[in-house]
Amino acid sequence: MDYVSALVPPVVMAGFFIALVVTMVKSQGGANKAKEDAAVDAVIARAEAARQAQPK
């Protein structure tokens, strides 16, 4: 019976990890992809503008 109690935590963690990966893969793309891409582009553009505005 000791082997069962030793195997349960890794199996449970593996199950949660697989569920996390599946959720992340399923949430990629879809209807919100354009909004997410636009938000990332805006943040990058803002950071680039701030970097260029700094005096050298």
PDB file of N, CA and C in Angstrom:
ATOM      1  N   MET A   1       0.816  -1.199   0.000  1.00  0.00           N
ATOM      2  CA  MET A   1       0.000   0.000   0.000  1.00  0.00           C
ATOM      3  C   MET A   1       0.860   1.264   0.000  1.00  0.00           C
ATOM      4  N   ASP A   2       2.093   1.161   0.427  1.00  0.00           N
ATOM      5  CA  ASP A   2       2.953   2.340   0.452  1.00  0.00           C
ATOM      6  C   ASP A   2       3.206   2.884  -0.943  1.00  0.00           C
ATOM      7  N   TYR A   3       3.269   2.001  -1.930  1.00  0.00           N
ATOM      8  CA  TYR A   3       3.522   2.476  -3.282  1.00  0.00           C
ATOM      9  C   TYR A   3       2.355   3.291  -3.811  1.00  0.00           C
ATOM     10  N   VAL A   4       1.135   2.977  -3.380  1.00  0.00           N
ATOM     11  CA  VAL A   4      -0.026   3.766  -3.823  1.00  0.00           C
ATOM     12  C   VAL A   4       0.063   5.176  -3.261  1.00  0.00           C
ATOM     13  N   SER A   5       0.360   5.308  -1.979  1.00  0.00           N
ATOM     14  CA  SER A   5       0.456   6.642  -1.381  1.00  0.00           C
ATOM     15  C   SER A   5       1.649   7.410  -1.929  1.00  0.00           C
ATOM     16  N   ALA A   6       2.676   6.702  -2.410  1.00  0.00           N
ATOM     17  CA  ALA A   6       3.835   7.378  -3.016  1.00  0.00           C
ATOM     18  C   ALA A   6       3.534   7.841  -4.430  1.00  0.00           C
ATOM     19  N   LEU A   7       2.643   7.160  -5.134  1.00  0.00           N
ATOM     20  CA  LEU A   7       2.348   7.511  -6.525  1.00  0.00           C
ATOM     21  C   LEU A   7       1.213   8.515  -6.681  1.00  0.00           C
ATOM     22  N   VAL A   8       0.359   8.653  -5.695  1.00  0.00           N
ATOM     23  CA  VAL A   8      -0.809   9.528  -5.837  1.00  0.00           C
ATOM     24  C   VAL A   8      -0.418  10.998  -6.057  1.00  0.00           C
ATOM     25  N   PRO A   9       0.465  11.606  -5.258  1.00  0.00           N
ATOM     26  CA  PRO A   9       0.779  13.028  -5.495  1.00  0.00           C
ATOM     27  C   PRO A   9       1.354  13.316  -6.887  1.00  0.00           C
ATOM     28  N   PRO A  10       2.311  12.535  -7.404  1.00  0.00           N
ATOM     29  CA  PRO A  10       2.799  12.827  -8.750  1.00  0.00           C
ATOM     30  C   PRO A  10       1.728  12.655  -9.822  1.00  0.00           C
ATOM     31  N   VAL A  11       0.867  11.671  -9.663  1.00  0.00           N
ATOM     32  CA  VAL A  11      -0.199  11.455 -10.649  1.00  0.00           C
ATOM     33  C   VAL A  11      -1.178  12.623 -10.621  1.00  0.00           C
ATOM     34  N   VAL A  12      -1.518  13.098  -9.435  1.00  0.00           N
ATOM     35  CA  VAL A  12      -2.434  14.239  -9.324  1.00  0.00           C
ATOM     36  C   VAL A  12      -1.795  15.489  -9.924  1.00  0.00           C
ATOM     37  N   MET A  13      -0.523  15.731  -9.630  1.00  0.00           N
ATOM     38  CA  MET A  13       0.156  16.903 -10.188  1.00  0.00           C
ATOM     39  C   MET A  13       0.264  16.795 -11.703  1.00  0.00           C
ATOM     40  N   ALA A  14       0.526  15.607 -12.214  1.00  0.00           N
ATOM     41  CA  ALA A  14       0.592  15.423 -13.661  1.00  0.00           C
ATOM     42  C   ALA A  14      -0.762  15.702 -14.296  1.00  0.00           C
ATOM     43  N   GLY A  15      -1.817  15.277 -13.663  1.00  0.00           N
ATOM     44  CA  GLY A  15      -3.166  15.553 -14.175  1.00  0.00           C
ATOM     45  C   GLY A  15      -3.448  17.042 -14.222  1.00  0.00           C
ATOM     46  N   PHE A  16      -3.107  17.764 -13.166  1.00  0.00           N
ATOM     47  CA  PHE A  16      -3.314  19.219 -13.154  1.00  0.00           C
ATOM     48  C   PHE A  16      -2.453  19.905 -14.209  1.00  0.00           C
ATOM     49  N   PHE A  17      -1.226  19.427 -14.392  1.00  0.00           N
ATOM     50  CA  PHE A  17      -0.344  20.029 -15.391  1.00  0.00           C
ATOM     51  C   PHE A  17      -0.893  19.804 -16.798  1.00  0.00           C
ATOM     52  N   ILE A  18      -1.366  18.613 -17.065  1.00  0.00           N
ATOM     53  CA  ILE A  18      -1.957  18.326 -18.379  1.00  0.00           C
ATOM     54  C   ILE A  18      -3.183  19.201 -18.609  1.00  0.00           C
ATOM     55  N   ALA A  19      -4.021  19.355 -17.596  1.00  0.00           N
ATOM     56  CA  ALA A  19      -5.198  20.215 -17.729  1.00  0.00           C
ATOM     57  C   ALA A  19      -4.789  21.663 -17.983  1.00  0.00           C
ATOM     58  N   LEU A  20      -3.732  22.127 -17.325  1.00  0.00           N
ATOM     59  CA  LEU A  20      -3.249  23.492 -17.542  1.00  0.00           C
ATOM     60  C   LEU A  20      -2.769  23.683 -18.975  1.00  0.00           C
ATOM     61  N   VAL A  21      -1.999  22.733 -19.482  1.00  0.00           N
ATOM     62  CA  VAL A  21      -1.492  22.833 -20.849  1.00  0.00           C
ATOM     63  C   VAL A  21      -2.635  22.799 -21.853  1.00  0.00           C
ATOM     64  N   VAL A  22      -3.597  21.924 -21.642  1.00  0.00           N
ATOM     65  CA  VAL A  22      -4.748  21.837 -22.548  1.00  0.00           C
ATOM     66  C   VAL A  22      -5.526  23.150 -22.538  1.00  0.00           C
ATOM     67  N   THR A  23      -5.720  23.732 -21.364  1.00  0.00           N
ATOM     68  CA  THR A  23      -6.429  25.010 -21.269  1.00  0.00           C
ATOM     69  C   THR A  23      -5.670  26.110 -21.996  1.00  0.00           C
ATOM     70  N   MET A  24      -4.348  26.138 -21.847  1.00  0.00           N
ATOM     71  CA  MET A  24      -3.554  27.169 -22.521  1.00  0.00           C
ATOM     72  C   MET A  24      -3.623  27.002 -24.036  1.00  0.00           C
ATOM     73  N   VAL A  25      -3.553  25.778 -24.516  1.00  0.00           N
ATOM     74  CA  VAL A  25      -3.595  25.537 -25.954  1.00  0.00           C
ATOM     75  C   VAL A  25      -4.960  25.897 -26.519  1.00  0.00           C
ATOM     76  N   LYS A  26      -6.026  25.551 -25.803  1.00  0.00           N
ATOM     77  CA  LYS A  26      -7.369  25.857 -26.289  1.00  0.00           C
ATOM     78  C   LYS A  26      -7.648  27.355 -26.299  1.00  0.00           C
ATOM     79  N   SER A  27      -7.009  28.110 -25.403  1.00  0.00           N
ATOM     80  CA  SER A  27      -7.282  29.547 -25.325  1.00  0.00           C
ATOM     81  C   SER A  27      -6.485  30.344 -26.349  1.00  0.00           C
ATOM     82  N   GLN A  28      -5.591  29.699 -27.083  1.00  0.00           N
ATOM     83  CA  GLN A  28      -4.834  30.407 -28.113  1.00  0.00           C
ATOM     84  C   GLN A  28      -5.724  30.641 -29.317  1.00  0.00           C
ATOM     85  N   GLY A  29      -5.582  31.799 -29.934  1.00  0.00           N
ATOM     86  CA  GLY A  29      -6.379  32.091 -31.127  1.00  0.00           C
ATOM     87  C   GLY A  29      -7.812  32.415 -30.746  1.00  0.00           C
ATOM     88  N   GLY A  30      -8.711  32.179 -31.662  1.00  0.00           N
ATOM     89  CA  GLY A  30     -10.113  32.417 -31.383  1.00  0.00           C
ATOM     90  C   GLY A  30     -10.486  33.874 -31.595  1.00  0.00           C
ATOM     91  N   ALA A  31     -11.625  34.235 -31.039  1.00  0.00           N
ATOM     92  CA  ALA A  31     -12.186  35.558 -31.252  1.00  0.00           C
ATOM     93  C   ALA A  31     -11.346  36.658 -30.604  1.00  0.00           C
ATOM     94  N   ASN A  32     -10.672  36.361 -29.511  1.00  0.00           N
ATOM     95  CA  ASN A  32      -9.921  37.388 -28.791  1.00  0.00           C
ATOM     96  C   ASN A  32      -8.497  37.557 -29.300  1.00  0.00           C
ATOM     97  N   LYS A  33      -8.080  36.773 -30.280  1.00  0.00           N
ATOM     98  CA  LYS A  33      -6.694  36.832 -30.747  1.00  0.00           C
ATOM     99  C   LYS A  33      -6.340  38.221 -31.268  1.00  0.00           C
ATOM    100  N   ALA A  34      -7.219  38.838 -32.045  1.00  0.00           N
ATOM    101  CA  ALA A  34      -6.937  40.162 -32.600  1.00  0.00           C
ATOM    102  C   ALA A  34      -6.801  41.195 -31.477  1.00  0.00           C
ATOM    103  N   LYS A  35      -7.669  41.120 -30.466  1.00  0.00           N
ATOM    104  CA  LYS A  35      -7.585  42.067 -29.348  1.00  0.00           C
ATOM    105  C   LYS A  35      -6.292  41.864 -28.567  1.00  0.00           C
ATOM    106  N   GLU A  36      -5.931  40.615 -28.327  1.00  0.00           N
ATOM    107  CA  GLU A  36      -4.705  40.345 -27.579  1.00  0.00           C
ATOM    108  C   GLU A  36      -3.485  40.812 -28.357  1.00  0.00           C
ATOM    109  N   ASP A  37      -3.464  40.549 -29.661  1.00  0.00           N
ATOM    110  CA  ASP A  37      -2.342  40.991 -30.487  1.00  0.00           C
ATOM    111  C   ASP A  37      -2.245  42.511 -30.508  1.00  0.00           C
ATOM    112  N   ALA A  38      -3.384  43.193 -30.593  1.00  0.00           N
ATOM    113  CA  ALA A  38      -3.384  44.651 -30.611  1.00  0.00           C
ATOM    114  C   ALA A  38      -2.880  45.207 -29.278  1.00  0.00           C
ATOM    115  N   ALA A  39      -3.264  44.596 -28.188  1.00  0.00           N
ATOM    116  CA  ALA A  39      -2.811  45.059 -26.872  1.00  0.00           C
ATOM    117  C   ALA A  39      -1.302  44.885 -26.734  1.00  0.00           C
ATOM    118  N   VAL A  40      -0.775  43.760 -27.175  1.00  0.00           N
ATOM    119  CA  VAL A  40       0.670  43.522 -27.096  1.00  0.00           C
ATOM    120  C   VAL A  40       1.411  44.506 -27.994  1.00  0.00           C
ATOM    121  N   ASP A  41       0.895  44.730 -29.198  1.00  0.00           N
ATOM    122  CA  ASP A  41       1.526  45.687 -30.110  1.00  0.00           C
ATOM    123  C   ASP A  41       1.545  47.095 -29.516  1.00  0.00           C
ATOM    124  N   ALA A  42       0.464  47.481 -28.839  1.00  0.00           N
ATOM    125  CA  ALA A  42       0.403  48.808 -28.228  1.00  0.00           C
ATOM    126  C   ALA A  42       1.440  48.939 -27.109  1.00  0.00           C
ATOM    127  N   VAL A  43       1.592  47.911 -26.296  1.00  0.00           N
ATOM    128  CA  VAL A  43       2.573  47.957 -25.206  1.00  0.00           C
ATOM    129  C   VAL A  43       3.981  48.038 -25.770  1.00  0.00           C
ATOM    130  N   ILE A  44       4.256  47.256 -26.805  1.00  0.00           N
ATOM    131  CA  ILE A  44       5.586  47.287 -27.417  1.00  0.00           C
ATOM    132  C   ILE A  44       5.866  48.651 -28.036  1.00  0.00           C
ATOM    133  N   ALA A  45       4.884  49.225 -28.718  1.00  0.00           N
ATOM    134  CA  ALA A  45       5.065  50.536 -29.339  1.00  0.00           C
ATOM    135  C   ALA A  45       5.303  51.609 -28.278  1.00  0.00           C
ATOM    136  N   ARG A  46       4.577  51.519 -27.159  1.00  0.00           N
ATOM    137  CA  ARG A  46       4.751  52.498 -26.082  1.00  0.00           C
ATOM    138  C   ARG A  46       6.148  52.380 -25.479  1.00  0.00           C
ATOM    139  N   ALA A  47       6.609  51.164 -25.275  1.00  0.00           N
ATOM    140  CA  ALA A  47       7.941  50.965 -24.711  1.00  0.00           C
ATOM    141  C   ALA A  47       9.016  51.442 -25.682  1.00  0.00           C
ATOM    142  N   GLU A  48       8.818  51.179 -26.951  1.00  0.00           N
ATOM    143  CA  GLU A  48       9.794  51.622 -27.957  1.00  0.00           C
ATOM    144  C   GLU A  48       9.846  53.143 -28.030  1.00  0.00           C
ATOM    145  N   ALA A  49       8.688  53.803 -27.974  1.00  0.00           N
ATOM    146  CA  ALA A  49       8.651  55.263 -28.012  1.00  0.00           C
ATOM    147  C   ALA A  49       9.325  55.857 -26.772  1.00  0.00           C
ATOM    148  N   ALA A  50       9.104  55.249 -25.620  1.00  0.00           N
ATOM    149  CA  ALA A  50       9.733  55.747 -24.396  1.00  0.00           C
ATOM    150  C   ALA A  50      11.246  55.558 -24.451  1.00  0.00           C
ATOM    151  N   ARG A  51      11.689  54.461 -25.046  1.00  0.00           N
ATOM    152  CA  ARG A  51      13.132  54.209 -25.135  1.00  0.00           C
ATOM    153  C   ARG A  51      13.792  55.202 -26.082  1.00  0.00           C
ATOM    154  N   GLN A  52      13.117  55.541 -27.175  1.00  0.00           N
ATOM    155  CA  GLN A  52      13.676  56.480 -28.133  1.00  0.00           C
ATOM    156  C   GLN A  52      13.639  57.910 -27.634  1.00  0.00           C
ATOM    157  N   ALA A  53      12.716  58.221 -26.732  1.00  0.00           N
ATOM    158  CA  ALA A  53      12.582  59.583 -26.213  1.00  0.00           C
ATOM    159  C   ALA A  53      13.641  59.914 -25.168  1.00  0.00           C
ATOM    160  N   GLN A  54      14.295  58.904 -24.613  1.00  0.00           N
ATOM    161  CA  GLN A  54      15.298  59.162 -23.588  1.00  0.00           C
ATOM    162  C   GLN A  54      16.531  59.811 -24.231  1.00  0.00           C
ATOM    163  N   PRO A  55      17.035  60.875 -23.603  1.00  0.00           N
ATOM    164  CA  PRO A  55      18.244  61.504 -24.123  1.00  0.00           C
ATOM    165  C   PRO A  55      19.449  60.590 -23.925  1.00  0.00           C
ATOM    166  N   LYS A  56      20.357  60.662 -24.863  1.00  0.00           N
ATOM    167  CA  LYS A  56      21.538  59.795 -24.783  1.00  0.00           C
ATOM    168  C   LYS A  56      22.729  60.526 -24.225  1.00  0.00           C
TER     169      LYS A  56
END
